[in-house]
């Protein structure tokens, strides 16, 4: 269970840190992206630590659903881009499902 929790958290830690560090290095980044990435990094670290897992996993689930809808609008693109966006959209949906499962499993155990 620990390995599963850490692998779920790694998506948020790695991508959040990558974007925040990029912004720190001067990569043009919008304020919304910086806030979103900082939140993802924080949630990933909290999930990795197992802190209030039910609630942090639920918050990360919501973050993934918002990201899927806002960042991967497969319904509004055509051609090969549609398949790429659909793949990323479904990846986010599956990660959200894993986080939801993690949240529900935390009800039966204090920490994994």
PDB file of N, CA and C in Angstrom:
ATOM      1  N   UNK A   1       0.823  -1.193   0.000  1.00  0.00           N
ATOM      2  CA  UNK A   1       0.000   0.000   0.000  1.00  0.00           C
ATOM      3  C   UNK A   1       0.869   1.261   0.000  1.00  0.00           C
ATOM      4  N   UNK A   2       1.990   1.197   0.691  1.00  0.00           N
ATOM      5  CA  UNK A   2       2.885   2.352   0.722  1.00  0.00           C
ATOM      6  C   UNK A   2       3.403   2.676  -0.682  1.00  0.00           C
ATOM      7  N   UNK A   3       3.824   1.656  -1.409  1.00  0.00           N
ATOM      8  CA  UNK A   3       4.334   1.872  -2.765  1.00  0.00           C
ATOM      9  C   UNK A   3       3.251   2.455  -3.667  1.00  0.00           C
ATOM     10  N   UNK A   4       2.030   1.991  -3.526  1.00  0.00           N
ATOM     11  CA  UNK A   4       0.923   2.512  -4.334  1.00  0.00           C
ATOM     12  C   UNK A   4       0.663   3.989  -3.997  1.00  0.00           C
ATOM     13  N   UNK A   5       0.641   4.314  -2.706  1.00  0.00           N
ATOM     14  CA  UNK A   5       0.408   5.701  -2.291  1.00  0.00           C
ATOM     15  C   UNK A   5       1.522   6.612  -2.799  1.00  0.00           C
ATOM     16  N   UNK A   6       2.750   6.169  -2.699  1.00  0.00           N
ATOM     17  CA  UNK A   6       3.881   6.984  -3.151  1.00  0.00           C
ATOM     18  C   UNK A   6       3.868   7.170  -4.666  1.00  0.00           C
ATOM     19  N   UNK A   7       3.468   6.142  -5.395  1.00  0.00           N
ATOM     20  CA  UNK A   7       3.421   6.296  -6.851  1.00  0.00           C
ATOM     21  C   UNK A   7       2.311   7.257  -7.264  1.00  0.00           C
ATOM     22  N   UNK A   8       1.186   7.253  -6.545  1.00  0.00           N
ATOM     23  CA  UNK A   8       0.119   8.215  -6.828  1.00  0.00           C
ATOM     24  C   UNK A   8       0.606   9.633  -6.520  1.00  0.00           C
ATOM     25  N   UNK A   9       1.324   9.795  -5.432  1.00  0.00           N
ATOM     26  CA  UNK A   9       1.823  11.116  -5.035  1.00  0.00           C
ATOM     27  C   UNK A   9       2.893  11.621  -5.990  1.00  0.00           C
ATOM     28  N   UNK A  10       3.644  10.700  -6.587  1.00  0.00           N
ATOM     29  CA  UNK A  10       4.776  11.106  -7.422  1.00  0.00           C
ATOM     30  C   UNK A  10       4.359  11.959  -8.616  1.00  0.00           C
ATOM     31  N   UNK A  11       3.193  11.727  -9.175  1.00  0.00           N
ATOM     32  CA  UNK A  11       2.715  12.535 -10.304  1.00  0.00           C
ATOM     33  C   UNK A  11       2.637  13.997  -9.893  1.00  0.00           C
ATOM     34  N   UNK A  12       2.092  14.251  -8.721  1.00  0.00           N
ATOM     35  CA  UNK A  12       1.920  15.618  -8.240  1.00  0.00           C
ATOM     36  C   UNK A  12       3.237  16.243  -7.831  1.00  0.00           C
ATOM     37  N   UNK A  13       4.077  15.476  -7.150  1.00  0.00           N
ATOM     38  CA  UNK A  13       5.361  16.013  -6.684  1.00  0.00           C
ATOM     39  C   UNK A  13       6.259  16.344  -7.869  1.00  0.00           C
ATOM     40  N   UNK A  14       6.415  15.412  -8.785  1.00  0.00           N
ATOM     41  CA  UNK A  14       7.337  15.622  -9.906  1.00  0.00           C
ATOM     42  C   UNK A  14       6.848  16.740 -10.818  1.00  0.00           C
ATOM     43  N   UNK A  15       5.604  16.687 -11.250  1.00  0.00           N
ATOM     44  CA  UNK A  15       5.126  17.707 -12.190  1.00  0.00           C
ATOM     45  C   UNK A  15       4.971  19.072 -11.524  1.00  0.00           C
ATOM     46  N   UNK A  16       4.517  19.098 -10.276  1.00  0.00           N
ATOM     47  CA  UNK A  16       4.407  20.372  -9.558  1.00  0.00           C
ATOM     48  C   UNK A  16       5.770  21.011  -9.369  1.00  0.00           C
ATOM     49  N   UNK A  17       6.741  20.221  -8.932  1.00  0.00           N
ATOM     50  CA  UNK A  17       8.090  20.735  -8.722  1.00  0.00           C
ATOM     51  C   UNK A  17       8.720  21.167 -10.045  1.00  0.00           C
ATOM     52  N   UNK A  18       8.500  20.407 -11.097  1.00  0.00           N
ATOM     53  CA  UNK A  18       9.049  20.736 -12.420  1.00  0.00           C
ATOM     54  C   UNK A  18       8.553  22.102 -12.887  1.00  0.00           C
ATOM     55  N   UNK A  19       7.271  22.349 -12.745  1.00  0.00           N
ATOM     56  CA  UNK A  19       6.708  23.625 -13.208  1.00  0.00           C
ATOM     57  C   UNK A  19       7.105  24.792 -12.298  1.00  0.00           C
ATOM     58  N   UNK A  20       7.100  24.569 -10.988  1.00  0.00           N
ATOM     59  CA  UNK A  20       7.493  25.635 -10.060  1.00  0.00           C
ATOM     60  C   UNK A  20       8.967  25.975 -10.256  1.00  0.00           C
ATOM     61  N   UNK A  21       9.818  24.965 -10.386  1.00  0.00           N
ATOM     62  CA  UNK A  21      11.241  25.201 -10.606  1.00  0.00           C
ATOM     63  C   UNK A  21      11.466  25.904 -11.944  1.00  0.00           C
ATOM     64  N   UNK A  22      10.710  25.508 -12.961  1.00  0.00           N
ATOM     65  CA  UNK A  22      10.809  26.177 -14.259  1.00  0.00           C
ATOM     66  C   UNK A  22      10.480  27.652 -14.159  1.00  0.00           C
ATOM     67  N   UNK A  23       9.412  27.974 -13.440  1.00  0.00           N
ATOM     68  CA  UNK A  23       9.031  29.380 -13.247  1.00  0.00           C
ATOM     69  C   UNK A  23      10.134  30.133 -12.505  1.00  0.00           C
ATOM     70  N   UNK A  24      10.723  29.482 -11.499  1.00  0.00           N
ATOM     71  CA  UNK A  24      11.817  30.085 -10.743  1.00  0.00           C
ATOM     72  C   UNK A  24      13.020  30.354 -11.644  1.00  0.00           C
ATOM     73  N   UNK A  25      13.225  29.489 -12.643  1.00  0.00           N
ATOM     74  CA  UNK A  25      14.345  29.634 -13.576  1.00  0.00           C
ATOM     75  C   UNK A  25      14.047  30.606 -14.711  1.00  0.00           C
ATOM     76  N   UNK A  26      12.828  31.168 -14.748  1.00  0.00           N
ATOM     77  CA  UNK A  26      12.503  32.163 -15.745  1.00  0.00           C
ATOM     78  C   UNK A  26      11.625  31.691 -16.882  1.00  0.00           C
ATOM     79  N   UNK A  27      11.168  30.440 -16.838  1.00  0.00           N
ATOM     80  CA  UNK A  27      10.269  29.956 -17.877  1.00  0.00           C
ATOM     81  C   UNK A  27       8.949  30.723 -17.751  1.00  0.00           C
ATOM     82  N   UNK A  28       8.476  31.310 -18.853  1.00  0.00           N
ATOM     83  CA  UNK A  28       7.206  32.053 -18.787  1.00  0.00           C
ATOM     84  C   UNK A  28       6.075  31.154 -18.290  1.00  0.00           C
ATOM     85  N   UNK A  29       5.423  31.578 -17.231  1.00  0.00           N
ATOM     86  CA  UNK A  29       4.368  30.790 -16.600  1.00  0.00           C
ATOM     87  C   UNK A  29       3.264  31.734 -16.149  1.00  0.00           C
ATOM     88  N   UNK A  30       2.037  31.350 -16.389  1.00  0.00           N
ATOM     89  CA  UNK A  30       0.928  32.181 -15.925  1.00  0.00           C
ATOM     90  C   UNK A  30       0.781  32.032 -14.415  1.00  0.00           C
ATOM     91  N   UNK A  31       0.140  33.000 -13.813  1.00  0.00           N
ATOM     92  CA  UNK A  31      -0.120  32.935 -12.377  1.00  0.00           C
ATOM     93  C   UNK A  31      -0.979  31.742 -12.023  1.00  0.00           C
ATOM     94  N   UNK A  32      -1.964  31.440 -12.863  1.00  0.00           N
ATOM     95  CA  UNK A  32      -2.846  30.300 -12.603  1.00  0.00           C
ATOM     96  C   UNK A  32      -2.064  28.984 -12.638  1.00  0.00           C
ATOM     97  N   UNK A  33      -1.160  28.859 -13.602  1.00  0.00           N
ATOM     98  CA  UNK A  33      -0.351  27.641 -13.694  1.00  0.00           C
ATOM     99  C   UNK A  33       0.558  27.503 -12.483  1.00  0.00           C
ATOM    100  N   UNK A  34       1.117  28.609 -12.040  1.00  0.00           N
ATOM    101  CA  UNK A  34       1.992  28.576 -10.866  1.00  0.00           C
ATOM    102  C   UNK A  34       1.220  28.176  -9.610  1.00  0.00           C
ATOM    103  N   UNK A  35       0.031  28.722  -9.436  1.00  0.00           N
ATOM    104  CA  UNK A  35      -0.800  28.361  -8.280  1.00  0.00           C
ATOM    105  C   UNK A  35      -1.203  26.892  -8.364  1.00  0.00           C
ATOM    106  N   UNK A  36      -1.667  26.468  -9.530  1.00  0.00           N
ATOM    107  CA  UNK A  36      -2.084  25.082  -9.740  1.00  0.00           C
ATOM    108  C   UNK A  36      -0.919  24.131  -9.463  1.00  0.00           C
ATOM    109  N   UNK A  37       0.267  24.458  -9.974  1.00  0.00           N
ATOM    110  CA  UNK A  37       1.443  23.605  -9.793  1.00  0.00           C
ATOM    111  C   UNK A  37       1.897  23.569  -8.337  1.00  0.00           C
ATOM    112  N   UNK A  38       1.838  24.696  -7.660  1.00  0.00           N
ATOM    113  CA  UNK A  38       2.202  24.739  -6.236  1.00  0.00           C
ATOM    114  C   UNK A  38       1.243  23.902  -5.404  1.00  0.00           C
ATOM    115  N   UNK A  39      -0.027  23.991  -5.728  1.00  0.00           N
ATOM    116  CA  UNK A  39      -1.033  23.183  -5.032  1.00  0.00           C
ATOM    117  C   UNK A  39      -0.797  21.699  -5.294  1.00  0.00           C
ATOM    118  N   UNK A  40      -0.496  21.346  -6.539  1.00  0.00           N
ATOM    119  CA  UNK A  40      -0.226  19.947  -6.872  1.00  0.00           C
ATOM    120  C   UNK A  40       0.989  19.439  -6.093  1.00  0.00           C
ATOM    121  N   UNK A  41       2.045  20.234  -6.034  1.00  0.00           N
ATOM    122  CA  UNK A  41       3.247  19.848  -5.292  1.00  0.00           C
ATOM    123  C   UNK A  41       2.921  19.629  -3.819  1.00  0.00           C
ATOM    124  N   UNK A  42       2.199  20.563  -3.220  1.00  0.00           N
ATOM    125  CA  UNK A  42       1.847  20.437  -1.800  1.00  0.00           C
ATOM    126  C   UNK A  42       0.982  19.198  -1.552  1.00  0.00           C
ATOM    127  N   UNK A  43      -0.026  18.981  -2.393  1.00  0.00           N
ATOM    128  CA  UNK A  43      -0.886  17.806  -2.218  1.00  0.00           C
ATOM    129  C   UNK A  43      -0.089  16.516  -2.383  1.00  0.00           C
ATOM    130  N   UNK A  44       0.816  16.485  -3.347  1.00  0.00           N
ATOM    131  CA  UNK A  44       1.639  15.300  -3.536  1.00  0.00           C
ATOM    132  C   UNK A  44       2.491  14.981  -2.323  1.00  0.00           C
ATOM    133  N   UNK A  45       3.082  16.007  -1.750  1.00  0.00           N
ATOM    134  CA  UNK A  45       3.901  15.798  -0.547  1.00  0.00           C
ATOM    135  C   UNK A  45       3.050  15.323   0.626  1.00  0.00           C
ATOM    136  N   UNK A  46       1.848  15.891   0.765  1.00  0.00           N
ATOM    137  CA  UNK A  46       0.958  15.477   1.856  1.00  0.00           C
ATOM    138  C   UNK A  46       0.471  14.048   1.667  1.00  0.00           C
ATOM    139  N   UNK A  47       0.165  13.676   0.444  1.00  0.00           N
ATOM    140  CA  UNK A  47      -0.253  12.292   0.176  1.00  0.00           C
ATOM    141  C   UNK A  47       0.904  11.344   0.445  1.00  0.00           C
ATOM    142  N   UNK A  48       2.096  11.694  -0.005  1.00  0.00           N
ATOM    143  CA  UNK A  48       3.272  10.849   0.234  1.00  0.00           C
ATOM    144  C   UNK A  48       3.494  10.645   1.731  1.00  0.00           C
ATOM    145  N   UNK A  49       3.270  11.692   2.508  1.00  0.00           N
ATOM    146  CA  UNK A  49       3.444  11.605   3.959  1.00  0.00           C
ATOM    147  C   UNK A  49       2.281  10.900   4.645  1.00  0.00           C
ATOM    148  N   UNK A  50       1.162  10.754   3.937  1.00  0.00           N
ATOM    149  CA  UNK A  50      -0.006  10.111   4.534  1.00  0.00           C
ATOM    150  C   UNK A  50      -0.793  11.022   5.447  1.00  0.00           C
ATOM    151  N   UNK A  51      -0.602  12.329   5.320  1.00  0.00           N
ATOM    152  CA  UNK A  51      -1.253  13.295   6.203  1.00  0.00           C
ATOM    153  C   UNK A  51      -2.706  13.490   5.796  1.00  0.00           C
ATOM    154  N   UNK A  52      -3.630  13.238   6.735  1.00  0.00           N
ATOM    155  CA  UNK A  52      -5.068  13.389   6.481  1.00  0.00           C
ATOM    156  C   UNK A  52      -5.415  12.877   5.090  1.00  0.00           C
ATOM    157  N   UNK A  53      -5.069  11.632   4.888  1.00  0.00           N
ATOM    158  CA  UNK A  53      -5.102  11.032   3.557  1.00  0.00           C
ATOM    159  C   UNK A  53      -6.466  11.107   2.893  1.00  0.00           C
ATOM    160  N   UNK A  54      -7.512  10.922   3.643  1.00  0.00           N
ATOM    161  CA  UNK A  54      -8.847  10.969   3.049  1.00  0.00           C
ATOM    162  C   UNK A  54      -9.076  12.307   2.356  1.00  0.00           C
ATOM    163  N   UNK A  55      -8.762  13.384   3.055  1.00  0.00           N
ATOM    164  CA  UNK A  55      -9.054  14.717   2.538  1.00  0.00           C
ATOM    165  C   UNK A  55      -8.046  15.184   1.490  1.00  0.00           C
ATOM    166  N   UNK A  56      -6.768  14.854   1.679  1.00  0.00           N
ATOM    167  CA  UNK A  56      -5.787  15.265   0.680  1.00  0.00           C
ATOM    168  C   UNK A  56      -5.995  14.500  -0.628  1.00  0.00           C
ATOM    169  N   UNK A  57      -6.345  13.223  -0.538  1.00  0.00           N
ATOM    170  CA  UNK A  57      -6.622  12.447  -1.752  1.00  0.00           C
ATOM    171  C   UNK A  57      -7.882  12.963  -2.449  1.00  0.00           C
ATOM    172  N   UNK A  58      -8.883  13.360  -1.681  1.00  0.00           N
ATOM    173  CA  UNK A  58     -10.085  13.939  -2.300  1.00  0.00           C
ATOM    174  C   UNK A  58      -9.775  15.271  -2.974  1.00  0.00           C
ATOM    175  N   UNK A  59      -8.947  16.089  -2.344  1.00  0.00           N
ATOM    176  CA  UNK A  59      -8.559  17.365  -2.952  1.00  0.00           C
ATOM    177  C   UNK A  59      -7.762  17.122  -4.237  1.00  0.00           C
ATOM    178  N   UNK A  60      -6.877  16.137  -4.211  1.00  0.00           N
ATOM    179  CA  UNK A  60      -6.101  15.809  -5.401  1.00  0.00           C
ATOM    180  C   UNK A  60      -7.007  15.249  -6.500  1.00  0.00           C
ATOM    181  N   UNK A  61      -8.035  14.506  -6.121  1.00  0.00           N
ATOM    182  CA  UNK A  61      -9.011  14.013  -7.091  1.00  0.00           C
ATOM    183  C   UNK A  61      -9.676  15.182  -7.795  1.00  0.00           C
ATOM    184  N   UNK A  62     -10.126  16.158  -7.024  1.00  0.00           N
ATOM    185  CA  UNK A  62     -10.766  17.341  -7.609  1.00  0.00           C
ATOM    186  C   UNK A  62      -9.800  18.080  -8.523  1.00  0.00           C
ATOM    187  N   UNK A  63      -8.550  18.210  -8.101  1.00  0.00           N
ATOM    188  CA  UNK A  63      -7.543  18.881  -8.913  1.00  0.00           C
ATOM    189  C   UNK A  63      -7.351  18.166 -10.251  1.00  0.00           C
ATOM    190  N   UNK A  64      -7.314  16.844 -10.233  1.00  0.00           N
ATOM    191  CA  UNK A  64      -7.140  16.084 -11.471  1.00  0.00           C
ATOM    192  C   UNK A  64      -8.350  16.233 -12.392  1.00  0.00           C
ATOM    193  N   UNK A  65      -9.535  16.269 -11.826  1.00  0.00           N
ATOM    194  CA  UNK A  65     -10.730  16.430 -12.652  1.00  0.00           C
ATOM    195  C   UNK A  65     -10.766  17.817 -13.301  1.00  0.00           C
ATOM    196  N   UNK A  66     -10.416  18.832 -12.529  1.00  0.00           N
ATOM    197  CA  UNK A  66     -10.359  20.191 -13.078  1.00  0.00           C
ATOM    198  C   UNK A  66      -9.302  20.263 -14.173  1.00  0.00           C
ATOM    199  N   UNK A  67      -8.137  19.670 -13.924  1.00  0.00           N
ATOM    200  CA  UNK A  67      -7.069  19.678 -14.920  1.00  0.00           C
ATOM    201  C   UNK A  67      -7.507  18.947 -16.185  1.00  0.00           C
ATOM    202  N   UNK A  68      -8.195  17.837 -16.046  1.00  0.00           N
ATOM    203  CA  UNK A  68      -8.666  17.093 -17.219  1.00  0.00           C
ATOM    204  C   UNK A  68      -9.581  17.962 -18.068  1.00  0.00           C
ATOM    205  N   UNK A  69     -10.505  18.642 -17.430  1.00  0.00           N
ATOM    206  CA  UNK A  69     -11.469  19.464 -18.164  1.00  0.00           C
ATOM    207  C   UNK A  69     -10.841  20.717 -18.774  1.00  0.00           C
ATOM    208  N   UNK A  70      -9.929  21.338 -18.050  1.00  0.00           N
ATOM    209  CA  UNK A  70      -9.366  22.603 -18.514  1.00  0.00           C
ATOM    210  C   UNK A  70      -8.165  22.435 -19.450  1.00  0.00           C
ATOM    211  N   UNK A  71      -7.379  21.404 -19.240  1.00  0.00           N
ATOM    212  CA  UNK A  71      -6.134  21.268 -19.996  1.00  0.00           C
ATOM    213  C   UNK A  71      -6.228  20.329 -21.193  1.00  0.00           C
ATOM    214  N   UNK A  72      -7.244  19.484 -21.236  1.00  0.00           N
ATOM    215  CA  UNK A  72      -7.312  18.469 -22.290  1.00  0.00           C
ATOM    216  C   UNK A  72      -8.695  18.406 -22.928  1.00  0.00           C
ATOM    217  N   UNK A  73      -9.124  19.492 -23.583  1.00  0.00           N
ATOM    218  CA  UNK A  73     -10.471  19.540 -24.179  1.00  0.00           C
ATOM    219  C   UNK A  73     -10.524  18.807 -25.524  1.00  0.00           C
ATOM    220  N   UNK A  74     -10.496  17.486 -25.468  1.00  0.00           N
ATOM    221  CA  UNK A  74     -10.475  16.675 -26.691  1.00  0.00           C
ATOM    222  C   UNK A  74     -11.687  16.936 -27.580  1.00  0.00           C
ATOM    223  N   UNK A  75     -12.782  17.363 -26.980  1.00  0.00           N
ATOM    224  CA  UNK A  75     -14.016  17.598 -27.723  1.00  0.00           C
ATOM    225  C   UNK A  75     -13.930  18.821 -28.640  1.00  0.00           C
ATOM    226  N   UNK A  76     -12.928  19.668 -28.423  1.00  0.00           N
ATOM    227  CA  UNK A  76     -12.847  20.897 -29.218  1.00  0.00           C
ATOM    228  C   UNK A  76     -11.713  20.898 -30.236  1.00  0.00           C
ATOM    229  N   UNK A  77     -11.035  19.774 -30.396  1.00  0.00           N
ATOM    230  CA  UNK A  77      -9.954  19.690 -31.375  1.00  0.00           C
ATOM    231  C   UNK A  77     -10.262  18.583 -32.379  1.00  0.00           C
ATOM    232  N   UNK A  78      -9.577  18.636 -33.506  1.00  0.00           N
ATOM    233  CA  UNK A  78      -9.824  17.649 -34.560  1.00  0.00           C
ATOM    234  C   UNK A  78      -8.532  16.944 -34.934  1.00  0.00           C
ATOM    235  N   UNK A  79      -8.673  15.914 -35.712  1.00  0.00           N
ATOM    236  CA  UNK A  79      -7.524  15.201 -36.241  1.00  0.00           C
ATOM    237  C   UNK A  79      -6.734  14.462 -35.178  1.00  0.00           C
ATOM    238  N   UNK A  80      -5.415  14.378 -35.424  1.00  0.00           N
ATOM    239  CA  UNK A  80      -4.527  13.644 -34.521  1.00  0.00           C
ATOM    240  C   UNK A  80      -4.491  14.265 -33.128  1.00  0.00           C
ATOM    241  N   UNK A  81      -4.676  15.582 -33.053  1.00  0.00           N
ATOM    242  CA  UNK A  81      -4.667  16.252 -31.747  1.00  0.00           C
ATOM    243  C   UNK A  81      -5.787  15.744 -30.848  1.00  0.00           C
ATOM    244  N   UNK A  82      -6.898  15.357 -31.422  1.00  0.00           N
ATOM    245  CA  UNK A  82      -8.016  14.854 -30.619  1.00  0.00           C
ATOM    246  C   UNK A  82      -7.611  13.589 -29.866  1.00  0.00           C
ATOM    247  N   UNK A  83      -6.932  12.680 -30.546  1.00  0.00           N
ATOM    248  CA  UNK A  83      -6.488  11.446 -29.896  1.00  0.00           C
ATOM    249  C   UNK A  83      -5.503  11.710 -28.770  1.00  0.00           C
ATOM    250  N   UNK A  84      -4.587  12.638 -28.988  1.00  0.00           N
ATOM    251  CA  UNK A  84      -3.604  12.993 -27.954  1.00  0.00           C
ATOM    252  C   UNK A  84      -4.310  13.587 -26.738  1.00  0.00           C
ATOM    253  N   UNK A  85      -5.226  14.529 -26.978  1.00  0.00           N
ATOM    254  CA  UNK A  85      -5.947  15.161 -25.871  1.00  0.00           C
ATOM    255  C   UNK A  85      -6.846  14.159 -25.143  1.00  0.00           C
ATOM    256  N   UNK A  86      -7.472  13.256 -25.895  1.00  0.00           N
ATOM    257  CA  UNK A  86      -8.305  12.226 -25.270  1.00  0.00           C
ATOM    258  C   UNK A  86      -7.464  11.314 -24.379  1.00  0.00           C
ATOM    259  N   UNK A  87      -6.283  10.944 -24.848  1.00  0.00           N
ATOM    260  CA  UNK A  87      -5.386  10.114 -24.041  1.00  0.00           C
ATOM    261  C   UNK A  87      -5.039  10.804 -22.727  1.00  0.00           C
ATOM    262  N   UNK A  88      -4.652  12.072 -22.794  1.00  0.00           N
ATOM    263  CA  UNK A  88      -4.294  12.800 -21.574  1.00  0.00           C
ATOM    264  C   UNK A  88      -5.511  13.021 -20.673  1.00  0.00           C
ATOM    265  N   UNK A  89      -6.661  13.289 -21.268  1.00  0.00           N
ATOM    266  CA  UNK A  89      -7.895  13.436 -20.497  1.00  0.00           C
ATOM    267  C   UNK A  89      -8.188  12.153 -19.719  1.00  0.00           C
ATOM    268  N   UNK A  90      -8.132  11.016 -20.411  1.00  0.00           N
ATOM    269  CA  UNK A  90      -8.429   9.738 -19.764  1.00  0.00           C
ATOM    270  C   UNK A  90      -7.366   9.354 -18.732  1.00  0.00           C
ATOM    271  N   UNK A  91      -6.118   9.740 -18.972  1.00  0.00           N
ATOM    272  CA  UNK A  91      -5.057   9.514 -17.976  1.00  0.00           C
ATOM    273  C   UNK A  91      -5.410  10.242 -16.682  1.00  0.00           C
ATOM    274  N   UNK A  92      -5.832  11.487 -16.811  1.00  0.00           N
ATOM    275  CA  UNK A  92      -6.215  12.251 -15.621  1.00  0.00           C
ATOM    276  C   UNK A  92      -7.427  11.633 -14.929  1.00  0.00           C
ATOM    277  N   UNK A  93      -8.391  11.166 -15.716  1.00  0.00           N
ATOM    278  CA  UNK A  93      -9.572  10.527 -15.128  1.00  0.00           C
ATOM    279  C   UNK A  93      -9.168   9.259 -14.373  1.00  0.00           C
ATOM    280  N   UNK A  94      -8.259   8.476 -14.934  1.00  0.00           N
ATOM    281  CA  UNK A  94      -7.841   7.246 -14.247  1.00  0.00           C
ATOM    282  C   UNK A  94      -7.050   7.561 -12.977  1.00  0.00           C
ATOM    283  N   UNK A  95      -6.214   8.591 -13.007  1.00  0.00           N
ATOM    284  CA  UNK A  95      -5.497   9.001 -11.791  1.00  0.00           C
ATOM    285  C   UNK A  95      -6.499   9.470 -10.741  1.00  0.00           C
ATOM    286  N   UNK A  96      -7.514  10.213 -11.159  1.00  0.00           N
ATOM    287  CA  UNK A  96      -8.562  10.653 -10.225  1.00  0.00           C
ATOM    288  C   UNK A  96      -9.256   9.447  -9.600  1.00  0.00           C
ATOM    289  N   UNK A  97      -9.502   8.413 -10.390  1.00  0.00           N
ATOM    290  CA  UNK A  97     -10.112   7.197  -9.856  1.00  0.00           C
ATOM    291  C   UNK A  97      -9.228   6.519  -8.818  1.00  0.00           C
ATOM    292  N   UNK A  98      -7.932   6.460  -9.076  1.00  0.00           N
ATOM    293  CA  UNK A  98      -7.004   5.880  -8.108  1.00  0.00           C
ATOM    294  C   UNK A  98      -6.947   6.687  -6.820  1.00  0.00           C
ATOM    295  N   UNK A  99      -6.987   8.007  -6.956  1.00  0.00           N
ATOM    296  CA  UNK A  99      -6.990   8.871  -5.771  1.00  0.00           C
ATOM    297  C   UNK A  99      -8.283   8.729  -4.979  1.00  0.00           C
ATOM    298  N   UNK A 100      -9.386   8.586  -5.682  1.00  0.00           N
ATOM    299  CA  UNK A 100     -10.658   8.365  -5.002  1.00  0.00           C
ATOM    300  C   UNK A 100     -10.627   7.041  -4.236  1.00  0.00           C
ATOM    301  N   UNK A 101     -10.087   6.015  -4.846  1.00  0.00           N
ATOM    302  CA  UNK A 101      -9.940   4.728  -4.168  1.00  0.00           C
ATOM    303  C   UNK A 101      -9.032   4.859  -2.948  1.00  0.00           C
ATOM    304  N   UNK A 102      -7.935   5.598  -3.083  1.00  0.00           N
ATOM    305  CA  UNK A 102      -7.030   5.825  -1.956  1.00  0.00           C
ATOM    306  C   UNK A 102      -7.767   6.527  -0.815  1.00  0.00           C
ATOM    307  N   UNK A 103      -8.569   7.507  -1.158  1.00  0.00           N
ATOM    308  CA  UNK A 103      -9.348   8.224  -0.148  1.00  0.00           C
ATOM    309  C   UNK A 103     -10.318   7.295   0.564  1.00  0.00           C
ATOM    310  N   UNK A 104     -11.012   6.463  -0.198  1.00  0.00           N
ATOM    311  CA  UNK A 104     -11.985   5.539   0.402  1.00  0.00           C
ATOM    312  C   UNK A 104     -11.307   4.473   1.249  1.00  0.00           C
ATOM    313  N   UNK A 105     -10.146   4.003   0.805  1.00  0.00           N
ATOM    314  CA  UNK A 105      -9.432   2.991   1.588  1.00  0.00           C
ATOM    315  C   UNK A 105      -8.894   3.560   2.882  1.00  0.00           C
ATOM    316  N   UNK A 106      -8.635   4.863   2.902  1.00  0.00           N
ATOM    317  CA  UNK A 106      -8.120   5.478   4.126  1.00  0.00           C
ATOM    318  C   UNK A 106      -9.174   5.504   5.232  1.00  0.00           C
ATOM    319  N   UNK A 107     -10.435   5.312   4.878  1.00  0.00           N
ATOM    320  CA  UNK A 107     -11.480   5.253   5.898  1.00  0.00           C
ATOM    321  C   UNK A 107     -11.322   4.025   6.780  1.00  0.00           C
ATOM    322  N   UNK A 108     -10.778   2.946   6.222  1.00  0.00           N
ATOM    323  CA  UNK A 108     -10.660   1.718   6.987  1.00  0.00           C
ATOM    324  C   UNK A 108      -9.322   1.588   7.725  1.00  0.00           C
ATOM    325  N   UNK A 109      -8.362   2.454   7.365  1.00  0.00           N
ATOM    326  CA  UNK A 109      -7.058   2.430   8.022  1.00  0.00           C
ATOM    327  C   UNK A 109      -6.605   3.855   8.286  1.00  0.00           C
ATOM    328  N   UNK A 110      -5.863   4.024   9.343  1.00  0.00           N
ATOM    329  CA  UNK A 110      -5.354   5.354   9.690  1.00  0.00           C
ATOM    330  C   UNK A 110      -4.319   5.820   8.688  1.00  0.00           C
ATOM    331  N   UNK A 111      -3.288   5.006   8.435  1.00  0.00           N
ATOM    332  CA  UNK A 111      -2.202   5.335   7.508  1.00  0.00           C
ATOM    333  C   UNK A 111      -1.738   4.089   6.809  1.00  0.00           C
ATOM    334  N   UNK A 112      -1.247   4.245   5.591  1.00  0.00           N
ATOM    335  CA  UNK A 112      -0.679   3.120   4.843  1.00  0.00           C
ATOM    336  C   UNK A 112       0.815   3.244   4.816  1.00  0.00           C
TER     337      UNK A 112
END
